[in-house]
Amino acid sequence: MDGRPTATDATPGGVGRAGATRFAPAPTGYLHLGHVVNALYVWGHARATGRRVVLRIEDHDRQRSRPTFERALLEDLAWLGFAADEGLYRQSDDQAVYAAALEILRFNGLAYACDCSRTTFAAWAAQHGGPWRGPGCPGGCRDRAVPDEAGSGWRVVMAEGAESWTDIRLGAQRDEPAREGDVLVRDRAGNWTYSFCVVVDDLRQGIDLVVRGEDLLDATARQIRLGRLLGRRVPPAFLHHPLVRRPDGAKLSKADRDTSVRDLRAAGRSAPALIGAAAALVGLVEEPRDMEAAMAAALVSSRPRPR
């Protein structure tokens, strides 16, 4: 970056660290079977490749995150038999690193204040018959010098051009980071966004393998580009695993209490039974059967491995 500062200057621990993946739930509800599937893939590939597992609580959403949910998810994770090698880290514990990363982007002329709201985007879509497509934003904030004040968010410039990568499970991928406009990194209420926090955290915590559900595949190009802008020369490897879906085909959410680990525990289901059920739902085994966490993770380790 021609001598300009990078995020590794502001995020100690991000330089030279490698060999880690992460399990990173949000404390906005209880763990469900989809989280169990993610744990199987995270721990399975970590054990197969000698990586450590970092436990991170992604509580950037201050309005929806609850200590009650955090306590429950930690209890349920331990009950299931998944033990992290490092952590616990909370995004709320060190907000300064996100501000420092944004300041680096501002210094390099890559970020700008934005006063667009959801109403702005909705109005543009109604007028043009479809959602906003980037680069930029509907309000043209990049060129308007919007003041940094209450009610303004911050966006990072997504230059045109594609990012290409090879997903460990899904193969060759290519996408345009600017397809949906410039990335919002801090919203109008002052919350840091998911896309920004995970890129900063993965850099500073040495995460070189990101394992997550295939519903987040579309976020990958933007996060690779953000990482490059913050000085990450080599992006992490990515593995997007199958989702557990409801009978109607929709993915599970924390609102689906019938698949909540907490509720299934209360109904008398054992940890091996839940792990076996989760493994069967994504085809790791043909039929549900009781299995311990280590056994189920070993099934994943026989699948294609990250570089």
Protein backbone atom coordinates (compact mmCIF):
# COMPACT_ATOMS: atom_id res chain seq x y z
CA MET A 1 0.00 0.00 0.00
CA ASP A 2 2.91 2.36 -0.83
CA GLY A 3 3.97 2.82 2.77
CA ARG A 4 0.52 3.67 4.03
CA PRO A 5 -0.68 1.98 7.23
CA THR A 6 -2.54 -1.32 7.03
CA ALA A 7 -4.84 -3.16 9.43
CA THR A 8 -1.95 -5.27 10.68
CA ASP A 9 -0.58 -2.06 12.21
CA ALA A 10 -3.78 -1.67 14.24
CA THR A 11 -4.60 -5.31 15.01
CA PRO A 12 -1.79 -6.98 17.01
CA GLY A 13 -1.65 -10.73 16.48
CA GLY A 14 -2.69 -10.56 12.83
CA VAL A 15 0.87 -10.72 11.48
CA GLY A 16 2.49 -14.07 10.96
CA ARG A 17 -0.18 -16.13 12.66
CA ALA A 18 -1.62 -19.06 10.77
CA GLY A 19 -3.26 -22.41 11.31
CA ALA A 20 -6.64 -21.51 12.76
CA THR A 21 -10.32 -21.68 12.04
CA ARG A 22 -13.16 -20.39 14.19
CA PHE A 23 -16.57 -21.21 15.61
CA ALA A 24 -18.34 -17.87 15.86
CA PRO A 25 -22.00 -17.87 16.92
CA ALA A 26 -24.03 -14.73 17.49
CA PRO A 27 -25.79 -14.47 20.89
CA THR A 28 -29.11 -13.47 19.34
CA GLY A 29 -30.86 -16.79 20.03
CA TYR A 30 -30.21 -20.39 21.01
CA LEU A 31 -28.00 -22.83 19.16
CA HIS A 32 -29.92 -25.01 16.70
CA LEU A 33 -29.06 -28.06 14.60
CA GLY A 34 -27.53 -25.86 11.92
CA HIS A 35 -24.95 -24.69 14.46
CA VAL A 36 -24.22 -28.32 15.32
CA VAL A 37 -23.51 -29.01 11.64
CA ASN A 38 -21.18 -26.02 11.53
CA ALA A 39 -19.35 -27.28 14.62
CA LEU A 40 -18.86 -30.68 12.98
CA TYR A 41 -17.26 -29.09 9.93
CA VAL A 42 -15.17 -26.63 11.96
CA TRP A 43 -13.74 -29.17 14.38
CA GLY A 44 -13.47 -31.86 11.70
CA HIS A 45 -11.32 -29.79 9.36
CA ALA A 46 -9.33 -28.30 12.23
CA ARG A 47 -8.37 -31.74 13.48
CA ALA A 48 -7.63 -33.02 9.96
CA THR A 49 -5.26 -30.15 9.17
CA GLY A 50 -3.68 -29.40 12.54
CA ARG A 51 -5.43 -26.08 12.94
CA ARG A 52 -6.61 -24.67 16.24
CA VAL A 53 -10.26 -23.72 16.81
CA VAL A 54 -10.90 -20.17 18.02
CA LEU A 55 -14.16 -19.50 19.85
CA ARG A 56 -15.54 -16.06 19.07
CA ILE A 57 -18.83 -14.50 20.13
CA GLU A 58 -20.05 -12.24 17.32
CA ASP A 59 -22.07 -9.75 19.34
CA HIS A 60 -21.63 -6.73 17.04
CA ASP A 61 -25.46 -6.42 16.92
CA ARG A 62 -25.96 -4.55 20.19
CA GLN A 63 -29.73 -4.40 19.83
CA ARG A 64 -30.30 -8.16 19.49
CA SER A 65 -27.39 -9.70 21.44
CA ARG A 66 -28.26 -10.97 24.93
CA PRO A 67 -26.05 -12.30 27.77
CA THR A 68 -28.69 -14.98 28.38
CA PHE A 69 -28.20 -16.36 24.88
CA GLU A 70 -24.42 -16.25 25.25
CA ARG A 71 -24.52 -18.25 28.47
CA ALA A 72 -26.87 -20.78 26.90
CA LEU A 73 -24.81 -21.29 23.75
CA LEU A 74 -21.60 -21.78 25.77
CA GLU A 75 -23.35 -24.31 28.01
CA ASP A 76 -24.84 -26.16 25.04
CA LEU A 77 -21.53 -26.23 23.16
CA ALA A 78 -19.79 -27.77 26.19
CA TRP A 79 -22.66 -30.24 26.65
CA LEU A 80 -22.30 -31.36 23.04
CA GLY A 81 -18.58 -31.99 23.61
CA PHE A 82 -16.97 -29.27 21.47
CA ALA A 83 -13.99 -27.61 23.17
CA ALA A 84 -12.15 -24.71 21.55
CA ASP A 85 -8.36 -24.38 21.61
CA GLU A 86 -8.41 -20.59 22.00
CA GLY A 87 -10.86 -17.95 23.17
CA LEU A 88 -13.38 -16.85 24.35
CA TYR A 89 -13.27 -13.61 22.34
CA ARG A 90 -16.16 -11.17 22.16
CA GLN A 91 -16.45 -8.48 19.53
CA SER A 92 -17.92 -6.17 22.16
CA ASP A 93 -14.79 -6.45 24.31
CA ASP A 94 -12.54 -4.50 21.94
CA GLN A 95 -14.47 -2.07 19.77
CA ALA A 96 -11.36 0.07 19.27
CA VAL A 97 -9.89 -2.34 16.71
CA TYR A 98 -12.80 -1.73 14.32
CA ALA A 99 -12.50 2.03 14.69
CA ALA A 100 -8.76 1.75 14.03
CA ALA A 101 -9.35 -0.36 10.91
CA LEU A 102 -11.90 2.15 9.62
CA GLU A 103 -9.46 4.99 10.25
CA ILE A 104 -6.89 3.20 8.09
CA LEU A 105 -9.41 2.95 5.26
CA ARG A 106 -10.31 6.63 5.68
CA PHE A 107 -6.64 7.61 5.62
CA ASN A 108 -6.21 5.71 2.36
CA GLY A 109 -9.26 7.39 0.83
CA LEU A 110 -11.24 4.15 0.75
CA ALA A 111 -14.15 4.95 3.10
CA TYR A 112 -16.83 7.63 3.25
CA ALA A 113 -19.75 8.68 5.42
CA CYS A 114 -23.19 7.76 4.08
CA ASP A 115 -26.62 9.00 5.12
CA CYS A 116 -28.61 6.53 3.00
CA SER A 117 -31.32 4.68 4.93
CA ARG A 118 -33.39 1.63 4.08
CA THR A 119 -35.98 4.09 2.83
CA THR A 120 -33.40 5.50 0.39
CA PHE A 121 -32.71 2.05 -1.02
CA ALA A 122 -36.43 1.17 -1.15
CA ALA A 123 -37.25 4.40 -2.98
CA TRP A 124 -34.52 3.79 -5.53
CA ALA A 125 -35.76 0.21 -6.09
CA ALA A 126 -39.35 1.40 -6.56
CA GLN A 127 -38.28 4.02 -9.07
CA HIS A 128 -35.99 1.73 -11.07
CA GLY A 129 -37.86 -1.57 -10.79
CA GLY A 130 -35.14 -3.43 -8.93
CA PRO A 131 -32.63 -3.23 -6.07
CA TRP A 132 -29.60 -0.97 -6.12
CA ARG A 133 -26.57 -2.37 -7.89
CA GLY A 134 -23.18 -0.82 -7.23
CA PRO A 135 -20.67 0.61 -7.08
CA GLY A 136 -21.55 3.39 -4.67
CA CYS A 137 -24.93 3.94 -3.01
CA PRO A 138 -28.27 5.40 -4.18
CA GLY A 139 -27.63 8.74 -2.50
CA GLY A 140 -24.30 9.32 -4.22
CA CYS A 141 -22.70 9.80 -0.81
CA ARG A 142 -19.22 8.97 -2.05
CA ASP A 143 -19.14 12.27 -3.93
CA ARG A 144 -21.17 14.42 -1.49
CA ALA A 145 -18.79 14.67 1.46
CA VAL A 146 -21.47 13.65 3.97
CA PRO A 147 -20.44 14.79 7.48
CA ASP A 148 -19.51 12.17 10.07
CA GLU A 149 -22.26 12.78 12.58
CA ALA A 150 -25.12 10.99 14.34
CA GLY A 151 -27.32 9.28 11.78
CA SER A 152 -24.53 8.68 9.29
CA GLY A 153 -23.05 5.29 8.49
CA TRP A 154 -19.73 4.46 6.83
CA ARG A 155 -19.10 2.58 3.58
CA VAL A 156 -15.97 1.20 1.99
CA VAL A 157 -15.34 1.71 -1.71
CA MET A 158 -15.68 -1.51 -3.67
CA ALA A 159 -13.85 -0.90 -6.94
CA GLU A 160 -15.09 -2.71 -10.01
CA GLY A 161 -13.48 -6.05 -10.88
CA ALA A 162 -14.01 -9.62 -9.75
CA GLU A 163 -12.53 -11.73 -6.97
CA SER A 164 -11.87 -15.40 -7.70
CA TRP A 165 -11.28 -18.18 -5.20
CA THR A 166 -11.67 -21.94 -4.87
CA ASP A 167 -14.15 -23.11 -2.28
CA ILE A 168 -12.96 -26.35 -0.71
CA ARG A 169 -16.34 -27.99 -1.15
CA LEU A 170 -17.96 -26.08 -4.02
CA GLY A 171 -14.96 -25.54 -6.29
CA ALA A 172 -14.02 -22.51 -8.39
CA GLN A 173 -15.94 -19.32 -7.57
CA ARG A 174 -15.96 -15.80 -9.00
CA ASP A 175 -18.01 -12.76 -7.95
CA GLU A 176 -18.08 -8.97 -8.15
CA PRO A 177 -17.62 -7.30 -4.72
CA ALA A 178 -19.31 -4.13 -6.03
CA ARG A 179 -22.37 -6.00 -7.27
CA GLU A 180 -24.56 -4.76 -4.40
CA GLY A 181 -22.84 -1.42 -3.91
CA ASP A 182 -20.16 -0.22 -1.54
CA VAL A 183 -19.99 -2.24 1.68
CA LEU A 184 -21.55 -0.77 4.81
CA VAL A 185 -19.08 -1.19 7.67
CA ARG A 186 -20.77 0.92 10.34
CA ASP A 187 -24.51 1.46 10.27
CA ARG A 188 -26.45 4.64 11.01
CA ALA A 189 -27.01 3.53 14.64
CA GLY A 190 -23.26 3.20 15.20
CA ASN A 191 -23.13 -0.62 15.00
CA TRP A 192 -20.20 -2.27 13.28
CA THR A 193 -21.48 -4.67 10.61
CA TYR A 194 -20.96 -8.40 10.31
CA SER A 195 -18.99 -8.12 7.06
CA PHE A 196 -16.50 -5.69 8.57
CA CYS A 197 -16.08 -7.29 12.00
CA VAL A 198 -15.37 -10.78 10.70
CA VAL A 199 -12.72 -9.53 8.27
CA VAL A 200 -10.93 -7.53 10.97
CA ASP A 201 -11.24 -10.37 13.50
CA ASP A 202 -10.05 -13.08 11.11
CA LEU A 203 -7.01 -10.98 10.27
CA ARG A 204 -5.99 -10.21 13.85
CA GLN A 205 -6.76 -13.72 15.17
CA GLY A 206 -4.81 -15.52 12.45
CA ILE A 207 -7.82 -17.27 10.91
CA ASP A 208 -6.70 -18.88 7.66
CA LEU A 209 -9.71 -21.18 7.15
CA VAL A 210 -13.30 -19.90 7.25
CA VAL A 211 -15.89 -22.67 7.62
CA ARG A 212 -19.53 -21.60 7.36
CA GLY A 213 -22.89 -22.37 5.75
CA GLU A 214 -23.37 -22.03 2.01
CA ASP A 215 -25.92 -19.24 2.59
CA LEU A 216 -22.92 -16.95 3.18
CA LEU A 217 -21.19 -17.80 -0.09
CA ASP A 218 -22.36 -14.51 -1.64
CA ALA A 219 -20.53 -12.54 1.07
CA THR A 220 -17.14 -14.04 0.24
CA ALA A 221 -16.00 -11.75 -2.58
CA ARG A 222 -16.76 -8.63 -0.55
CA GLN A 223 -14.90 -9.99 2.45
CA ILE A 224 -11.88 -10.98 0.37
CA ARG A 225 -11.80 -7.48 -1.09
CA LEU A 226 -12.14 -5.86 2.36
CA GLY A 227 -9.27 -7.99 3.58
CA ARG A 228 -7.08 -6.85 0.69
CA LEU A 229 -7.89 -3.21 1.40
CA LEU A 230 -6.87 -3.78 5.04
CA GLY A 231 -3.52 -5.25 4.00
CA ARG A 232 -4.27 -8.98 3.97
CA ARG A 233 -2.12 -10.26 1.11
CA VAL A 234 -3.37 -13.86 1.17
CA PRO A 235 -7.08 -14.40 1.91
CA PRO A 236 -8.21 -17.31 4.08
CA ALA A 237 -9.37 -20.55 2.54
CA PHE A 238 -13.15 -20.95 2.50
CA LEU A 239 -15.40 -23.97 2.98
CA HIS A 240 -19.16 -23.50 2.68
CA HIS A 241 -20.98 -26.53 4.01
CA PRO A 242 -24.57 -27.72 3.39
CA LEU A 243 -27.42 -26.19 5.38
CA VAL A 244 -29.99 -27.93 7.52
CA ARG A 245 -33.32 -27.01 5.98
CA ARG A 246 -36.92 -27.09 7.11
CA PRO A 247 -39.40 -29.31 5.24
CA ASP A 248 -40.41 -26.31 3.10
CA GLY A 249 -36.80 -25.84 1.99
CA ALA A 250 -36.11 -22.73 4.07
CA LYS A 251 -32.92 -22.66 6.12
CA LEU A 252 -33.15 -22.90 9.88
CA SER A 253 -33.09 -19.79 12.01
CA LYS A 254 -32.93 -19.11 15.72
CA ALA A 255 -36.69 -18.62 15.62
CA ASP A 256 -37.18 -22.33 14.87
CA ARG A 257 -37.42 -23.45 18.47
CA ASP A 258 -38.28 -27.04 17.48
CA THR A 259 -34.61 -27.43 16.42
CA SER A 260 -33.14 -25.51 19.35
CA VAL A 261 -30.45 -27.51 21.15
CA ARG A 262 -31.71 -26.09 24.45
CA ASP A 263 -35.28 -27.28 23.85
CA LEU A 264 -34.20 -30.67 22.51
CA ARG A 265 -32.05 -31.15 25.61
CA ALA A 266 -35.02 -30.30 27.80
CA ALA A 267 -37.10 -32.87 25.91
CA GLY A 268 -34.63 -35.61 26.88
CA ARG A 269 -32.49 -35.88 23.73
CA SER A 270 -28.88 -36.83 24.41
CA ALA A 271 -25.86 -35.04 22.96
CA PRO A 272 -24.83 -38.06 20.82
CA ALA A 273 -28.39 -38.28 19.47
CA LEU A 274 -28.42 -34.61 18.43
CA ILE A 275 -24.98 -34.85 16.85
CA GLY A 276 -26.01 -37.94 14.90
CA ALA A 277 -29.21 -36.29 13.78
CA ALA A 278 -27.32 -33.22 12.55
CA ALA A 279 -24.82 -35.39 10.68
CA ALA A 280 -27.62 -37.25 8.93
CA LEU A 281 -29.42 -34.05 7.93
CA VAL A 282 -26.45 -32.98 5.76
CA GLY A 283 -25.56 -36.43 4.46
CA LEU A 284 -22.50 -37.21 6.58
CA VAL A 285 -24.25 -40.48 7.54
CA GLU A 286 -27.17 -42.19 5.82
CA GLU A 287 -29.32 -42.61 8.93
CA PRO A 288 -29.31 -40.82 12.32
CA ARG A 289 -27.31 -42.68 14.94
CA ASP A 290 -25.76 -41.74 18.24
CA MET A 291 -22.20 -40.46 17.98
CA GLU A 292 -19.84 -38.37 20.05
CA ALA A 293 -18.53 -35.04 18.80
CA ALA A 294 -15.07 -36.42 18.00
CA MET A 295 -16.52 -39.31 16.00
CA ALA A 296 -18.74 -37.04 13.91
CA ALA A 297 -15.90 -34.59 13.32
CA ALA A 298 -13.80 -37.48 12.04
CA LEU A 299 -16.41 -38.09 9.32
CA VAL A 300 -15.84 -34.55 8.10
CA SER A 301 -12.06 -34.93 8.16
CA SER A 302 -12.28 -37.55 5.41
CA ARG A 303 -13.82 -35.00 3.04
CA PRO A 304 -11.78 -32.66 0.77
CA ARG A 305 -9.24 -30.76 2.81
CA PRO A 306 -8.19 -27.10 2.74
CA ARG A 307 -4.87 -26.01 1.30
